[in-house]
Every structure is written in C-alpha cells, then in structure tokens.
Amino acid sequence: MLVAAGFHSDSLIFRDARKANWRRGLKEAKAVVCDLATAEELPKAFRVVPFPPVSEPSLEELKRYEQFVGTPNRRWRAE
C-alpha cells in the first residue's frame, strides 16, 4: 500500500512487534505506520501514523450483528 502511495520500497523498514528487539533501527525512521496497539508502545518522540485494524464499514456491520443477536424475535435485515 505504501509503495502504491509513492514510497520507494528501499526506504521502508518492516518490523514484527511480536518479536524481541522490534524497535531496533526505528530511531532513523521519519515516521512509523502501525496499528493502534503498537502506537501506544512507541515513545512520544516518534511521528506515529496509526491505523485501525478493522475498517469502519466492518465495524458498522459488526454493530448491526450485535443488535440482531441482542434483540430476540426480530428478523435480520441486511442493509
């Protein structure tokens, strides 16, 4: 996605936050694109670009399912 947005692939650094020492080398980065949970673990000095792991339309659909399950004897209406 970042390459499609115009970033050169050689300028990107990828890290797996589940692994030890994943922060190594991030001081040289101009910004860190990460999920919201990882953003909370980074020092405030970093320029963080957080993204939600679930899209807004998916969240809305999950809320509709929650309403359906929580309300007995109602017919499901897909929108």
PDB file of N, CA and C in Angstrom:
ATOM      1  N   MET A   1       0.819  -1.180   0.000  1.00  0.00           N
ATOM      2  CA  MET A   1       0.000   0.000   0.000  1.00  0.00           C
ATOM      3  C   MET A   1       0.872   1.255   0.000  1.00  0.00           C
ATOM      4  N   LEU A   2       1.956   1.236   0.785  1.00  0.00           N
ATOM      5  CA  LEU A   2       2.838   2.404   0.814  1.00  0.00           C
ATOM      6  C   LEU A   2       3.570   2.593  -0.509  1.00  0.00           C
ATOM      7  N   VAL A   3       3.959   1.506  -1.143  1.00  0.00           N
ATOM      8  CA  VAL A   3       4.608   1.594  -2.456  1.00  0.00           C
ATOM      9  C   VAL A   3       3.621   2.189  -3.459  1.00  0.00           C
ATOM     10  N   ALA A   4       2.371   1.753  -3.410  1.00  0.00           N
ATOM     11  CA  ALA A   4       1.350   2.289  -4.308  1.00  0.00           C
ATOM     12  C   ALA A   4       1.116   3.775  -4.050  1.00  0.00           C
ATOM     13  N   ALA A   5       1.356   4.215  -2.816  1.00  0.00           N
ATOM     14  CA  ALA A   5       1.187   5.629  -2.468  1.00  0.00           C
ATOM     15  C   ALA A   5       2.393   6.471  -2.860  1.00  0.00           C
ATOM     16  N   GLY A   6       3.453   5.832  -3.394  1.00  0.00           N
ATOM     17  CA  GLY A   6       4.592   6.587  -3.884  1.00  0.00           C
ATOM     18  C   GLY A   6       5.868   6.445  -3.085  1.00  0.00           C
ATOM     19  N   PHE A   7       5.855   5.658  -2.014  1.00  0.00           N
ATOM     20  CA  PHE A   7       7.073   5.427  -1.236  1.00  0.00           C
ATOM     21  C   PHE A   7       7.934   4.394  -1.949  1.00  0.00           C
ATOM     22  N   HIS A   8       9.226   4.637  -2.016  1.00  0.00           N
ATOM     23  CA  HIS A   8      10.139   3.678  -2.636  1.00  0.00           C
ATOM     24  C   HIS A   8      10.324   2.493  -1.683  1.00  0.00           C
ATOM     25  N   SER A   9      10.272   1.291  -2.216  1.00  0.00           N
ATOM     26  CA  SER A   9      10.337   0.096  -1.364  1.00  0.00           C
ATOM     27  C   SER A   9      11.654   0.002  -0.585  1.00  0.00           C
ATOM     28  N   ASP A  10      12.743   0.571  -1.126  1.00  0.00           N
ATOM     29  CA  ASP A  10      14.027   0.537  -0.412  1.00  0.00           C
ATOM     30  C   ASP A  10      14.046   1.463   0.805  1.00  0.00           C
ATOM     31  N   SER A  11      13.081   2.374   0.888  1.00  0.00           N
ATOM     32  CA  SER A  11      13.059   3.315   2.011  1.00  0.00           C
ATOM     33  C   SER A  11      12.162   2.833   3.158  1.00  0.00           C
ATOM     34  N   LEU A  12      11.538   1.673   3.006  1.00  0.00           N
ATOM     35  CA  LEU A  12      10.631   1.161   4.023  1.00  0.00           C
ATOM     36  C   LEU A  12      11.340   0.160   4.933  1.00  0.00           C
ATOM     37  N   ILE A  13      11.025   0.214   6.210  1.00  0.00           N
ATOM     38  CA  ILE A  13      11.552  -0.727   7.199  1.00  0.00           C
ATOM     39  C   ILE A  13      10.354  -1.468   7.775  1.00  0.00           C
ATOM     40  N   PHE A  14      10.413  -2.790   7.784  1.00  0.00           N
ATOM     41  CA  PHE A  14       9.307  -3.587   8.300  1.00  0.00           C
ATOM     42  C   PHE A  14       9.710  -4.257   9.598  1.00  0.00           C
ATOM     43  N   ARG A  15       8.838  -4.230  10.579  1.00  0.00           N
ATOM     44  CA  ARG A  15       9.085  -4.850  11.875  1.00  0.00           C
ATOM     45  C   ARG A  15       7.852  -5.641  12.302  1.00  0.00           C
ATOM     46  N   ASP A  16       8.087  -6.714  13.045  1.00  0.00           N
ATOM     47  CA  ASP A  16       7.020  -7.508  13.643  1.00  0.00           C
ATOM     48  C   ASP A  16       7.040  -7.207  15.137  1.00  0.00           C
ATOM     49  N   ALA A  17       6.047  -6.485  15.635  1.00  0.00           N
ATOM     50  CA  ALA A  17       6.022  -6.043  17.031  1.00  0.00           C
ATOM     51  C   ALA A  17       5.898  -7.210  18.007  1.00  0.00           C
ATOM     52  N   ARG A  18       5.647  -8.412  17.528  1.00  0.00           N
ATOM     53  CA  ARG A  18       5.579  -9.579  18.411  1.00  0.00           C
ATOM     54  C   ARG A  18       6.953 -10.134  18.718  1.00  0.00           C
ATOM     55  N   LYS A  19       7.961  -9.695  17.981  1.00  0.00           N
ATOM     56  CA  LYS A  19       9.315 -10.227  18.163  1.00  0.00           C
ATOM     57  C   LYS A  19      10.159  -9.313  19.048  1.00  0.00           C
ATOM     58  N   ALA A  20      11.127  -9.941  19.716  1.00  0.00           N
ATOM     59  CA  ALA A  20      12.039  -9.169  20.575  1.00  0.00           C
ATOM     60  C   ALA A  20      12.851  -8.184  19.725  1.00  0.00           C
ATOM     61  N   ASN A  21      13.188  -7.065  20.295  1.00  0.00           N
ATOM     62  CA  ASN A  21      14.025  -6.036  19.651  1.00  0.00           C
ATOM     63  C   ASN A  21      13.421  -5.462  18.370  1.00  0.00           C
ATOM     64  N   TRP A  22      12.112  -5.465  18.252  1.00  0.00           N
ATOM     65  CA  TRP A  22      11.490  -4.955  17.029  1.00  0.00           C
ATOM     66  C   TRP A  22      11.680  -3.452  16.868  1.00  0.00           C
ATOM     67  N   ARG A  23      12.009  -2.753  17.950  1.00  0.00           N
ATOM     68  CA  ARG A  23      12.214  -1.300  17.872  1.00  0.00           C
ATOM     69  C   ARG A  23      13.589  -0.920  17.318  1.00  0.00           C
ATOM     70  N   ARG A  24      14.501  -1.893  17.215  1.00  0.00           N
ATOM     71  CA  ARG A  24      15.860  -1.612  16.757  1.00  0.00           C
ATOM     72  C   ARG A  24      15.837  -0.959  15.379  1.00  0.00           C
ATOM     73  N   GLY A  25      16.526   0.161  15.258  1.00  0.00           N
ATOM     74  CA  GLY A  25      16.624   0.861  13.983  1.00  0.00           C
ATOM     75  C   GLY A  25      15.521   1.855  13.715  1.00  0.00           C
ATOM     76  N   LEU A  26      14.529   1.937  14.574  1.00  0.00           N
ATOM     77  CA  LEU A  26      13.419   2.852  14.317  1.00  0.00           C
ATOM     78  C   LEU A  26      13.781   4.318  14.557  1.00  0.00           C
ATOM     79  N   LYS A  27      14.859   4.576  15.303  1.00  0.00           N
ATOM     80  CA  LYS A  27      15.246   5.966  15.566  1.00  0.00           C
ATOM     81  C   LYS A  27      15.574   6.705  14.275  1.00  0.00           C
ATOM     82  N   GLU A  28      16.016   5.980  13.259  1.00  0.00           N
ATOM     83  CA  GLU A  28      16.362   6.593  11.978  1.00  0.00           C
ATOM     84  C   GLU A  28      15.143   6.840  11.102  1.00  0.00           C
ATOM     85  N   ALA A  29      13.996   6.314  11.497  1.00  0.00           N
ATOM     86  CA  ALA A  29      12.783   6.446  10.682  1.00  0.00           C
ATOM     87  C   ALA A  29      12.177   7.842  10.831  1.00  0.00           C
ATOM     88  N   LYS A  30      11.601   8.330   9.759  1.00  0.00           N
ATOM     89  CA  LYS A  30      10.908   9.621   9.790  1.00  0.00           C
ATOM     90  C   LYS A  30       9.522   9.476  10.407  1.00  0.00           C
ATOM     91  N   ALA A  31       8.897   8.313  10.207  1.00  0.00           N
ATOM     92  CA  ALA A  31       7.562   8.050  10.740  1.00  0.00           C
ATOM     93  C   ALA A  31       7.379   6.547  10.874  1.00  0.00           C
ATOM     94  N   VAL A  32       6.433   6.167  11.731  1.00  0.00           N
ATOM     95  CA  VAL A  32       6.123   4.752  11.931  1.00  0.00           C
ATOM     96  C   VAL A  32       4.635   4.561  11.653  1.00  0.00           C
ATOM     97  N   VAL A  33       4.326   3.711  10.688  1.00  0.00           N
ATOM     98  CA  VAL A  33       2.941   3.364  10.378  1.00  0.00           C
ATOM     99  C   VAL A  33       2.670   2.049  11.094  1.00  0.00           C
ATOM    100  N   CYS A  34       1.660   2.043  11.977  1.00  0.00           N
ATOM    101  CA  CYS A  34       1.416   0.854  12.787  1.00  0.00           C
ATOM    102  C   CYS A  34      -0.038   0.814  13.248  1.00  0.00           C
ATOM    103  N   ASP A  35      -0.392  -0.322  13.850  1.00  0.00           N
ATOM    104  CA  ASP A  35      -1.735  -0.435  14.409  1.00  0.00           C
ATOM    105  C   ASP A  35      -1.824   0.380  15.698  1.00  0.00           C
ATOM    106  N   LEU A  36      -3.020   0.542  16.195  1.00  0.00           N
ATOM    107  CA  LEU A  36      -3.240   1.388  17.368  1.00  0.00           C
ATOM    108  C   LEU A  36      -2.558   0.852  18.620  1.00  0.00           C
ATOM    109  N   ALA A  37      -2.523  -0.472  18.796  1.00  0.00           N
ATOM    110  CA  ALA A  37      -1.890  -1.056  19.979  1.00  0.00           C
ATOM    111  C   ALA A  37      -0.386  -0.811  19.971  1.00  0.00           C
ATOM    112  N   THR A  38       0.255  -0.964  18.825  1.00  0.00           N
ATOM    113  CA  THR A  38       1.695  -0.731  18.713  1.00  0.00           C
ATOM    114  C   THR A  38       2.001   0.747  18.910  1.00  0.00           C
ATOM    115  N   ALA A  39       1.144   1.621  18.429  1.00  0.00           N
ATOM    116  CA  ALA A  39       1.351   3.060  18.585  1.00  0.00           C
ATOM    117  C   ALA A  39       1.461   3.440  20.058  1.00  0.00           C
ATOM    118  N   GLU A  40       0.710   2.762  20.915  1.00  0.00           N
ATOM    119  CA  GLU A  40       0.751   3.047  22.349  1.00  0.00           C
ATOM    120  C   GLU A  40       2.096   2.671  22.970  1.00  0.00           C
ATOM    121  N   GLU A  41       2.818   1.730  22.363  1.00  0.00           N
ATOM    122  CA  GLU A  41       4.098   1.253  22.898  1.00  0.00           C
ATOM    123  C   GLU A  41       5.289   2.091  22.460  1.00  0.00           C
ATOM    124  N   LEU A  42       5.098   2.959  21.488  1.00  0.00           N
ATOM    125  CA  LEU A  42       6.209   3.752  20.964  1.00  0.00           C
ATOM    126  C   LEU A  42       6.408   5.020  21.789  1.00  0.00           C
ATOM    127  N   PRO A  43       7.658   5.475  21.896  1.00  0.00           N
ATOM    128  CA  PRO A  43       7.910   6.731  22.613  1.00  0.00           C
ATOM    129  C   PRO A  43       7.198   7.891  21.935  1.00  0.00           C
ATOM    130  N   LYS A  44       6.834   8.881  22.702  1.00  0.00           N
ATOM    131  CA  LYS A  44       6.102  10.035  22.175  1.00  0.00           C
ATOM    132  C   LYS A  44       6.920  10.833  21.155  1.00  0.00           C
ATOM    133  N   ALA A  45       8.244  10.659  21.147  1.00  0.00           N
ATOM    134  CA  ALA A  45       9.101  11.385  20.211  1.00  0.00           C
ATOM    135  C   ALA A  45       8.908  10.922  18.767  1.00  0.00           C
ATOM    136  N   PHE A  46       8.372   9.729  18.569  1.00  0.00           N
ATOM    137  CA  PHE A  46       8.166   9.203  17.216  1.00  0.00           C
ATOM    138  C   PHE A  46       6.972   9.877  16.559  1.00  0.00           C
ATOM    139  N   ARG A  47       7.090  10.093  15.258  1.00  0.00           N
ATOM    140  CA  ARG A  47       5.931  10.512  14.469  1.00  0.00           C
ATOM    141  C   ARG A  47       5.196   9.235  14.092  1.00  0.00           C
ATOM    142  N   VAL A  48       4.050   9.025  14.687  1.00  0.00           N
ATOM    143  CA  VAL A  48       3.303   7.782  14.514  1.00  0.00           C
ATOM    144  C   VAL A  48       2.083   8.033  13.645  1.00  0.00           C
ATOM    145  N   VAL A  49       1.883   7.146  12.669  1.00  0.00           N
ATOM    146  CA  VAL A  49       0.702   7.186  11.816  1.00  0.00           C
ATOM    147  C   VAL A  49      -0.072   5.898  12.111  1.00  0.00           C
ATOM    148  N   PRO A  50      -1.008   5.944  13.078  1.00  0.00           N
ATOM    149  CA  PRO A  50      -1.734   4.732  13.441  1.00  0.00           C
ATOM    150  C   PRO A  50      -2.889   4.451  12.484  1.00  0.00           C
ATOM    151  N   PHE A  51      -3.245   3.191  12.375  1.00  0.00           N
ATOM    152  CA  PHE A  51      -4.410   2.811  11.586  1.00  0.00           C
ATOM    153  C   PHE A  51      -5.211   1.780  12.366  1.00  0.00           C
ATOM    154  N   PRO A  52      -6.518   1.807  12.224  1.00  0.00           N
ATOM    155  CA  PRO A  52      -7.343   0.816  12.918  1.00  0.00           C
ATOM    156  C   PRO A  52      -7.240  -0.530  12.198  1.00  0.00           C
ATOM    157  N   PRO A  53      -7.184  -1.634  12.942  1.00  0.00           N
ATOM    158  CA  PRO A  53      -7.053  -2.949  12.307  1.00  0.00           C
ATOM    159  C   PRO A  53      -8.322  -3.405  11.594  1.00  0.00           C
ATOM    160  N   VAL A  54      -9.459  -2.772  11.896  1.00  0.00           N
ATOM    161  CA  VAL A  54     -10.733  -3.131  11.268  1.00  0.00           C
ATOM    162  C   VAL A  54     -11.309  -1.872  10.628  1.00  0.00           C
ATOM    163  N   SER A  55     -11.769  -1.999   9.395  1.00  0.00           N
ATOM    164  CA  SER A  55     -12.297  -0.835   8.684  1.00  0.00           C
ATOM    165  C   SER A  55     -13.610  -0.352   9.299  1.00  0.00           C
ATOM    166  N   GLU A  56     -13.927   0.888   9.053  1.00  0.00           N
ATOM    167  CA  GLU A  56     -15.157   1.479   9.585  1.00  0.00           C
ATOM    168  C   GLU A  56     -16.406   0.751   9.083  1.00  0.00           C
ATOM    169  N   PRO A  57     -16.503   0.412   7.788  1.00  0.00           N
ATOM    170  CA  PRO A  57     -17.681  -0.345   7.335  1.00  0.00           C
ATOM    171  C   PRO A  57     -17.804  -1.711   8.030  1.00  0.00           C
ATOM    172  N   SER A  58     -16.687  -2.359   8.305  1.00  0.00           N
ATOM    173  CA  SER A  58     -16.732  -3.640   9.007  1.00  0.00           C
ATOM    174  C   SER A  58     -17.218  -3.459  10.436  1.00  0.00           C
ATOM    175  N   LEU A  59     -16.782  -2.394  11.096  1.00  0.00           N
ATOM    176  CA  LEU A  59     -17.249  -2.107  12.451  1.00  0.00           C
ATOM    177  C   LEU A  59     -18.755  -1.861  12.472  1.00  0.00           C
ATOM    178  N   GLU A  60     -19.250  -1.132  11.485  1.00  0.00           N
ATOM    179  CA  GLU A  60     -20.687  -0.868  11.407  1.00  0.00           C
ATOM    180  C   GLU A  60     -21.465  -2.167  11.215  1.00  0.00           C
ATOM    181  N   GLU A  61     -20.955  -3.057  10.379  1.00  0.00           N
ATOM    182  CA  GLU A  61     -21.627  -4.341  10.165  1.00  0.00           C
ATOM    183  C   GLU A  61     -21.616  -5.181  11.441  1.00  0.00           C
ATOM    184  N   LEU A  62     -20.509  -5.187  12.159  1.00  0.00           N
ATOM    185  CA  LEU A  62     -20.446  -5.916  13.423  1.00  0.00           C
ATOM    186  C   LEU A  62     -21.436  -5.356  14.436  1.00  0.00           C
ATOM    187  N   LYS A  63     -21.614  -4.045  14.451  1.00  0.00           N
ATOM    188  CA  LYS A  63     -22.590  -3.430  15.362  1.00  0.00           C
ATOM    189  C   LYS A  63     -24.006  -3.867  15.010  1.00  0.00           C
ATOM    190  N   ARG A  64     -24.308  -3.977  13.708  1.00  0.00           N
ATOM    191  CA  ARG A  64     -25.633  -4.453  13.291  1.00  0.00           C
ATOM    192  C   ARG A  64     -25.847  -5.898  13.732  1.00  0.00           C
ATOM    193  N   TYR A  65     -24.825  -6.738  13.592  1.00  0.00           N
ATOM    194  CA  TYR A  65     -24.933  -8.127  14.053  1.00  0.00           C
ATOM    195  C   TYR A  65     -25.164  -8.169  15.557  1.00  0.00           C
ATOM    196  N   GLU A  66     -24.455  -7.317  16.287  1.00  0.00           N
ATOM    197  CA  GLU A  66     -24.611  -7.276  17.739  1.00  0.00           C
ATOM    198  C   GLU A  66     -26.051  -6.914  18.115  1.00  0.00           C
ATOM    199  N   GLN A  67     -26.622  -5.951  17.417  1.00  0.00           N
ATOM    200  CA  GLN A  67     -28.012  -5.565  17.678  1.00  0.00           C
ATOM    201  C   GLN A  67     -28.960  -6.715  17.361  1.00  0.00           C
ATOM    202  N   PHE A  68     -28.701  -7.416  16.273  1.00  0.00           N
ATOM    203  CA  PHE A  68     -29.551  -8.531  15.872  1.00  0.00           C
ATOM    204  C   PHE A  68     -29.513  -9.644  16.913  1.00  0.00           C
ATOM    205  N   VAL A  69     -28.324  -9.996  17.355  1.00  0.00           N
ATOM    206  CA  VAL A  69     -28.164 -11.076  18.330  1.00  0.00           C
ATOM    207  C   VAL A  69     -28.750 -10.670  19.682  1.00  0.00           C
ATOM    208  N   GLY A  70     -28.640  -9.404  20.015  1.00  0.00           N
ATOM    209  CA  GLY A  70     -29.109  -8.933  21.316  1.00  0.00           C
ATOM    210  C   GLY A  70     -30.602  -8.676  21.386  1.00  0.00           C
ATOM    211  N   THR A  71     -31.291  -8.747  20.255  1.00  0.00           N
ATOM    212  CA  THR A  71     -32.726  -8.473  20.225  1.00  0.00           C
ATOM    213  C   THR A  71     -33.461  -9.722  19.741  1.00  0.00           C
ATOM    214  N   PRO A  72     -34.017 -10.521  20.652  1.00  0.00           N
ATOM    215  CA  PRO A  72     -34.707 -11.742  20.248  1.00  0.00           C
ATOM    216  C   PRO A  72     -35.986 -11.451  19.460  1.00  0.00           C
ATOM    217  N   ASN A  73     -36.376 -12.405  18.637  1.00  0.00           N
ATOM    218  CA  ASN A  73     -37.636 -12.358  17.875  1.00  0.00           C
ATOM    219  C   ASN A  73     -37.702 -11.227  16.863  1.00  0.00           C
ATOM    220  N   ARG A  74     -36.563 -10.779  16.384  1.00  0.00           N
ATOM    221  CA  ARG A  74     -36.551  -9.782  15.310  1.00  0.00           C
ATOM    222  C   ARG A  74     -35.960 -10.410  14.074  1.00  0.00           C
ATOM    223  N   ARG A  75     -36.460 -10.026  12.948  1.00  0.00           N
ATOM    224  CA  ARG A  75     -35.938 -10.534  11.685  1.00  0.00           C
ATOM    225  C   ARG A  75     -34.731  -9.730  11.279  1.00  0.00           C
ATOM    226  N   TRP A  76     -33.714 -10.409  10.758  1.00  0.00           N
ATOM    227  CA  TRP A  76     -32.493  -9.746  10.292  1.00  0.00           C
ATOM    228  C   TRP A  76     -32.763  -9.045   8.989  1.00  0.00           C
ATOM    229  N   ARG A  77     -32.306  -7.811   8.887  1.00  0.00           N
ATOM    230  CA  ARG A  77     -32.479  -7.023   7.660  1.00  0.00           C
ATOM    231  C   ARG A  77     -31.113  -6.552   7.219  1.00  0.00           C
ATOM    232  N   ALA A  78     -30.593  -7.130   6.135  1.00  0.00           N
ATOM    233  CA  ALA A  78     -29.300  -6.708   5.594  1.00  0.00           C
ATOM    234  C   ALA A  78     -29.465  -5.353   4.920  1.00  0.00           C
ATOM    235  N   GLU A  79     -28.532  -4.463   5.161  1.00  0.00           N
ATOM    236  CA  GLU A  79     -28.617  -3.121   4.542  1.00  0.00           C
ATOM    237  C   GLU A  79     -27.563  -2.958   3.496  1.00  0.00           C
TER     238      GLU A  79
END
